[in-house]
Amino acid sequence: MTAIVAIVKRLLASDKISFILTALVVLCATSSGDVVLSNGNYTWLLAVLTPFFFVFYDFSKLMHLGASKRDYFFGCLISYGLLAFCISLVNTVIHLLIDPVYSAQTVINMMDVCKWTGNGMVVAGLQQMFFLLLVMVFLHVLLSMQTRWYGWLTDALFVAMICIFTPIAPLRAILAEFFQTIMLNDNAVLHICICLLLSAALSLGGLVVLKRKTL
C-alpha cells in the first residue's frame, strides 16, 4: 500500500502541465452572445489530458524506478478517482456561486444539459464524478493499447462504428441511446451504477493490456 501511495503522489506531481493548461483555459476562456458555456465545464479538460501523461510519460518512468505494473495501475485508478472528485467539486462550486453572477447572459453548464442537477447538487456532483472517472479509465485503457495491434484494431472498430451507425437511422438511435444512458441520464442510481460497472469492466481489461505492455 505504501508503494501505491508513493506512485499516486508521483503521478499527481507529474501532471502539472495538465493542471496548468486546464487552469489557464478555465480562467481565460470567454464567450460572446446571450448563451455561453460555463467556465466550470472547462475543468473537464483535466480529465481528458491526464491519461495521456499517465500512459505515455509516467509508465516508463515508474517502471524504470522499479514499480510493479499492478501498483502503477492501481495508483492510476486512485489518482483518477481523486481527480474526478476534485474536478466535480470545482465545477459544482462554479455552477452554484459564479454562474449566477452573469445575469446578462444565460450560462449553460453540462450538469444541467445532462439532467443531473434535477436530482440536487450533491447527487449531481456524484454523477459528474463517476462519469469523469469512466472517461479517464476509458482513455487510459485505449491509450495503453495504441502500440499494439489490438489497439489499432480497436481504433478501426470505433471509426467503423461511427461511420456505420451515424448515417443509418436505427443504428443511430442505438448509439444515441447509449450516450444518453452513460451521460444524459437523470436517473441517478442507474447512471452511477452503469458508470461504475463500465469503469470496473474497463479496469479489468486495462490490467490484461498492462500485463502485455512493454517499455
Protein backbone atom coordinates (compact mmCIF):
# COMPACT_ATOMS: atom_id res chain seq x y z
CA MET A 1 0.00 0.00 0.00
CA THR A 2 2.92 2.33 0.74
CA ALA A 3 4.20 1.83 -2.81
CA ILE A 4 0.79 2.70 -4.29
CA VAL A 5 0.57 5.89 -2.21
CA ALA A 6 4.04 6.90 -3.40
CA ILE A 7 3.02 6.24 -7.01
CA VAL A 8 -0.15 8.32 -6.60
CA LYS A 9 1.91 11.23 -5.28
CA ARG A 10 4.33 10.96 -8.19
CA LEU A 11 1.55 10.69 -10.76
CA LEU A 12 -0.23 13.78 -9.48
CA ALA A 13 3.03 15.71 -9.15
CA SER A 14 4.00 14.88 -12.74
CA ASP A 15 0.60 16.04 -14.02
CA LYS A 16 1.48 19.72 -13.59
CA ILE A 17 1.14 20.56 -17.28
CA SER A 18 -2.43 19.27 -17.32
CA PHE A 19 -3.28 21.31 -14.22
CA ILE A 20 -1.68 24.47 -15.65
CA LEU A 21 -3.34 24.17 -19.07
CA THR A 22 -6.74 23.48 -17.51
CA ALA A 23 -6.41 26.40 -15.08
CA LEU A 24 -5.44 28.76 -17.91
CA VAL A 25 -8.40 27.68 -20.02
CA VAL A 26 -10.84 27.98 -17.10
CA LEU A 27 -9.58 31.46 -16.17
CA CYS A 28 -9.10 32.86 -19.65
CA ALA A 29 -11.98 31.33 -21.63
CA THR A 30 -14.50 33.95 -22.70
CA SER A 31 -17.62 33.71 -24.82
CA SER A 32 -19.79 36.29 -26.53
CA GLY A 33 -23.51 36.12 -27.06
CA ASP A 34 -26.54 35.66 -24.87
CA VAL A 35 -25.87 31.96 -24.22
CA VAL A 36 -22.42 30.88 -23.02
CA LEU A 37 -20.78 27.74 -21.69
CA SER A 38 -19.88 27.81 -18.01
CA ASN A 39 -16.17 28.21 -17.34
CA GLY A 40 -16.53 25.39 -14.84
CA ASN A 41 -17.04 22.92 -17.65
CA TYR A 42 -13.54 23.62 -18.91
CA THR A 43 -12.28 21.78 -15.83
CA TRP A 44 -13.27 18.61 -17.69
CA LEU A 45 -10.20 19.25 -19.84
CA LEU A 46 -8.09 17.93 -16.96
CA ALA A 47 -9.88 14.57 -17.19
CA VAL A 48 -9.01 14.36 -20.90
CA LEU A 49 -5.37 15.42 -20.63
CA THR A 50 -4.31 13.41 -17.57
CA PRO A 51 -4.46 9.87 -19.08
CA PHE A 52 -2.04 10.94 -21.83
CA PHE A 53 0.60 11.85 -19.24
CA PHE A 54 -0.04 8.79 -17.07
CA VAL A 55 0.25 6.41 -20.04
CA PHE A 56 2.90 7.96 -22.26
CA TYR A 57 5.13 9.61 -19.65
CA ASP A 58 4.70 8.15 -16.18
CA PHE A 59 4.51 4.46 -17.10
CA SER A 60 8.06 4.19 -18.43
CA LYS A 61 9.44 6.43 -15.67
CA LEU A 62 7.85 4.33 -12.91
CA MET A 63 8.88 1.02 -14.50
CA HIS A 64 12.50 2.22 -14.63
CA LEU A 65 12.25 3.14 -10.96
CA GLY A 66 11.21 -0.42 -10.13
CA ALA A 67 7.48 -0.01 -9.62
CA SER A 68 5.30 -3.02 -10.39
CA LYS A 69 2.70 -2.85 -13.15
CA ARG A 70 0.00 -3.72 -10.64
CA ASP A 71 0.94 -0.88 -8.28
CA TYR A 72 1.19 1.52 -11.23
CA PHE A 73 -2.30 0.63 -12.45
CA PHE A 74 -3.95 0.86 -9.04
CA GLY A 75 -2.10 4.12 -8.47
CA CYS A 76 -3.60 5.43 -11.71
CA LEU A 77 -7.12 4.36 -10.68
CA ILE A 78 -6.80 6.07 -7.30
CA SER A 79 -5.45 9.21 -8.97
CA TYR A 80 -8.34 9.22 -11.44
CA GLY A 81 -10.79 8.89 -8.55
CA LEU A 82 -9.21 11.82 -6.70
CA LEU A 83 -9.13 13.96 -9.81
CA ALA A 84 -12.74 13.11 -10.70
CA PHE A 85 -13.80 14.20 -7.21
CA CYS A 86 -11.83 17.46 -7.39
CA ILE A 87 -13.00 18.34 -10.92
CA SER A 88 -16.61 17.66 -9.98
CA LEU A 89 -16.30 19.72 -6.81
CA VAL A 90 -14.77 22.71 -8.61
CA ASN A 91 -17.34 22.68 -11.42
CA THR A 92 -20.20 22.32 -8.94
CA VAL A 93 -18.95 25.26 -6.87
CA ILE A 94 -18.54 27.40 -10.00
CA HIS A 95 -22.03 26.45 -11.13
CA LEU A 96 -23.51 27.38 -7.77
CA LEU A 97 -21.56 30.54 -6.96
CA ILE A 98 -20.15 32.06 -10.14
CA ASP A 99 -22.52 31.14 -12.99
CA PRO A 100 -25.48 33.05 -11.43
CA VAL A 101 -23.38 36.25 -11.36
CA TYR A 102 -23.59 36.57 -15.16
CA SER A 103 -27.10 37.97 -15.11
CA ALA A 104 -26.77 39.49 -18.60
CA GLN A 105 -26.05 36.09 -20.14
CA THR A 106 -27.55 32.63 -19.97
CA VAL A 107 -24.83 30.33 -18.68
CA ILE A 108 -25.11 26.67 -19.65
CA ASN A 109 -23.40 24.06 -17.51
CA MET A 110 -23.12 20.46 -18.68
CA MET A 111 -24.54 19.36 -15.33
CA ASP A 112 -27.83 20.92 -16.45
CA VAL A 113 -27.56 19.65 -20.02
CA CYS A 114 -27.02 16.10 -18.75
CA LYS A 115 -30.08 16.49 -16.47
CA TRP A 116 -28.04 15.72 -13.34
CA THR A 117 -29.00 18.84 -11.39
CA GLY A 118 -32.60 17.71 -11.30
CA ASN A 119 -31.51 15.30 -8.56
CA GLY A 120 -29.99 18.02 -6.37
CA MET A 121 -26.47 19.41 -6.49
CA VAL A 122 -24.91 16.78 -4.21
CA VAL A 123 -26.21 13.87 -6.27
CA ALA A 124 -25.42 15.76 -9.49
CA GLY A 125 -21.84 16.16 -8.26
CA LEU A 126 -21.62 12.42 -7.66
CA GLN A 127 -22.99 11.66 -11.11
CA GLN A 128 -20.45 14.02 -12.63
CA MET A 129 -17.64 12.44 -10.63
CA PHE A 130 -18.39 8.88 -11.70
CA PHE A 131 -18.88 9.94 -15.31
CA LEU A 132 -15.49 11.67 -15.34
CA LEU A 133 -13.93 8.60 -13.72
CA LEU A 134 -15.36 6.48 -16.56
CA VAL A 135 -13.95 8.89 -19.16
CA MET A 136 -10.45 8.77 -17.64
CA VAL A 137 -10.39 4.98 -17.28
CA PHE A 138 -11.64 4.57 -20.85
CA LEU A 139 -8.96 6.91 -22.21
CA HIS A 140 -6.27 5.21 -20.12
CA VAL A 141 -7.12 1.74 -21.46
CA LEU A 142 -7.48 2.98 -25.04
CA LEU A 143 -4.17 4.84 -24.96
CA SER A 144 -2.40 1.86 -23.35
CA MET A 145 -3.32 -0.29 -26.36
CA GLN A 146 -2.04 2.09 -29.02
CA THR A 147 1.36 0.45 -29.51
CA ARG A 148 -0.17 -2.99 -30.09
CA TRP A 149 -2.13 -4.48 -32.99
CA TYR A 150 -5.29 -4.79 -30.89
CA GLY A 151 -5.09 -1.08 -30.15
CA TRP A 152 -5.11 -0.26 -33.84
CA LEU A 153 -7.95 -2.75 -34.33
CA THR A 154 -9.95 -1.05 -31.57
CA ASP A 155 -9.39 2.36 -33.19
CA ALA A 156 -10.57 0.97 -36.52
CA LEU A 157 -13.67 -0.53 -34.89
CA PHE A 158 -14.58 2.80 -33.27
CA VAL A 159 -14.18 4.64 -36.57
CA ALA A 160 -16.21 1.96 -38.37
CA MET A 161 -18.98 2.15 -35.75
CA ILE A 162 -19.23 5.93 -36.13
CA CYS A 163 -19.23 5.73 -39.93
CA ILE A 164 -21.83 2.95 -40.00
CA PHE A 165 -24.08 3.89 -37.08
CA THR A 166 -24.33 7.63 -37.85
CA PRO A 167 -26.00 7.55 -41.30
CA ILE A 168 -28.38 4.63 -40.57
CA ALA A 169 -31.36 5.81 -38.51
CA PRO A 170 -32.00 2.62 -36.42
CA LEU A 171 -28.30 2.25 -35.61
CA ARG A 172 -28.02 5.97 -34.91
CA ALA A 173 -30.86 5.61 -32.41
CA ILE A 174 -28.95 2.81 -30.64
CA LEU A 175 -25.82 4.98 -30.48
CA ALA A 176 -27.85 7.91 -29.14
CA GLU A 177 -29.46 5.68 -26.53
CA PHE A 178 -26.04 4.51 -25.38
CA PHE A 179 -24.76 8.05 -24.90
CA GLN A 180 -28.00 9.02 -23.21
CA THR A 181 -27.52 6.16 -20.74
CA ILE A 182 -23.92 6.95 -19.81
CA MET A 183 -24.20 10.74 -19.92
CA LEU A 184 -27.62 12.33 -20.49
CA ASN A 185 -29.23 10.36 -17.69
CA ASP A 186 -31.44 11.86 -14.97
CA ASN A 187 -31.82 8.52 -13.17
CA ALA A 188 -29.00 8.95 -10.66
CA VAL A 189 -28.87 5.38 -9.34
CA LEU A 190 -28.90 3.85 -12.83
CA HIS A 191 -26.38 6.35 -14.14
CA ILE A 192 -23.91 5.86 -11.28
CA CYS A 193 -24.23 2.07 -11.41
CA ILE A 194 -23.62 1.98 -15.16
CA CYS A 195 -20.58 4.26 -14.87
CA LEU A 196 -19.16 2.10 -12.08
CA LEU A 197 -19.80 -1.16 -13.93
CA LEU A 198 -18.23 0.13 -17.13
CA SER A 199 -15.27 1.54 -15.20
CA ALA A 200 -14.77 -1.82 -13.47
CA ALA A 201 -15.01 -3.73 -16.77
CA LEU A 202 -12.55 -1.37 -18.44
CA SER A 203 -10.21 -1.65 -15.46
CA LEU A 204 -10.13 -5.43 -15.78
CA GLY A 205 -9.41 -5.03 -19.47
CA GLY A 206 -6.73 -2.50 -18.62
CA LEU A 207 -4.98 -5.00 -16.35
CA VAL A 208 -4.91 -7.55 -19.18
CA VAL A 209 -3.46 -4.95 -21.55
CA LEU A 210 -0.91 -3.84 -18.98
CA LYS A 211 0.42 -7.37 -18.50
CA ARG A 212 1.32 -7.45 -22.19
CA LYS A 213 2.70 -3.90 -22.27
CA THR A 214 6.45 -3.48 -22.54
CA LEU A 215 8.74 -0.46 -22.30
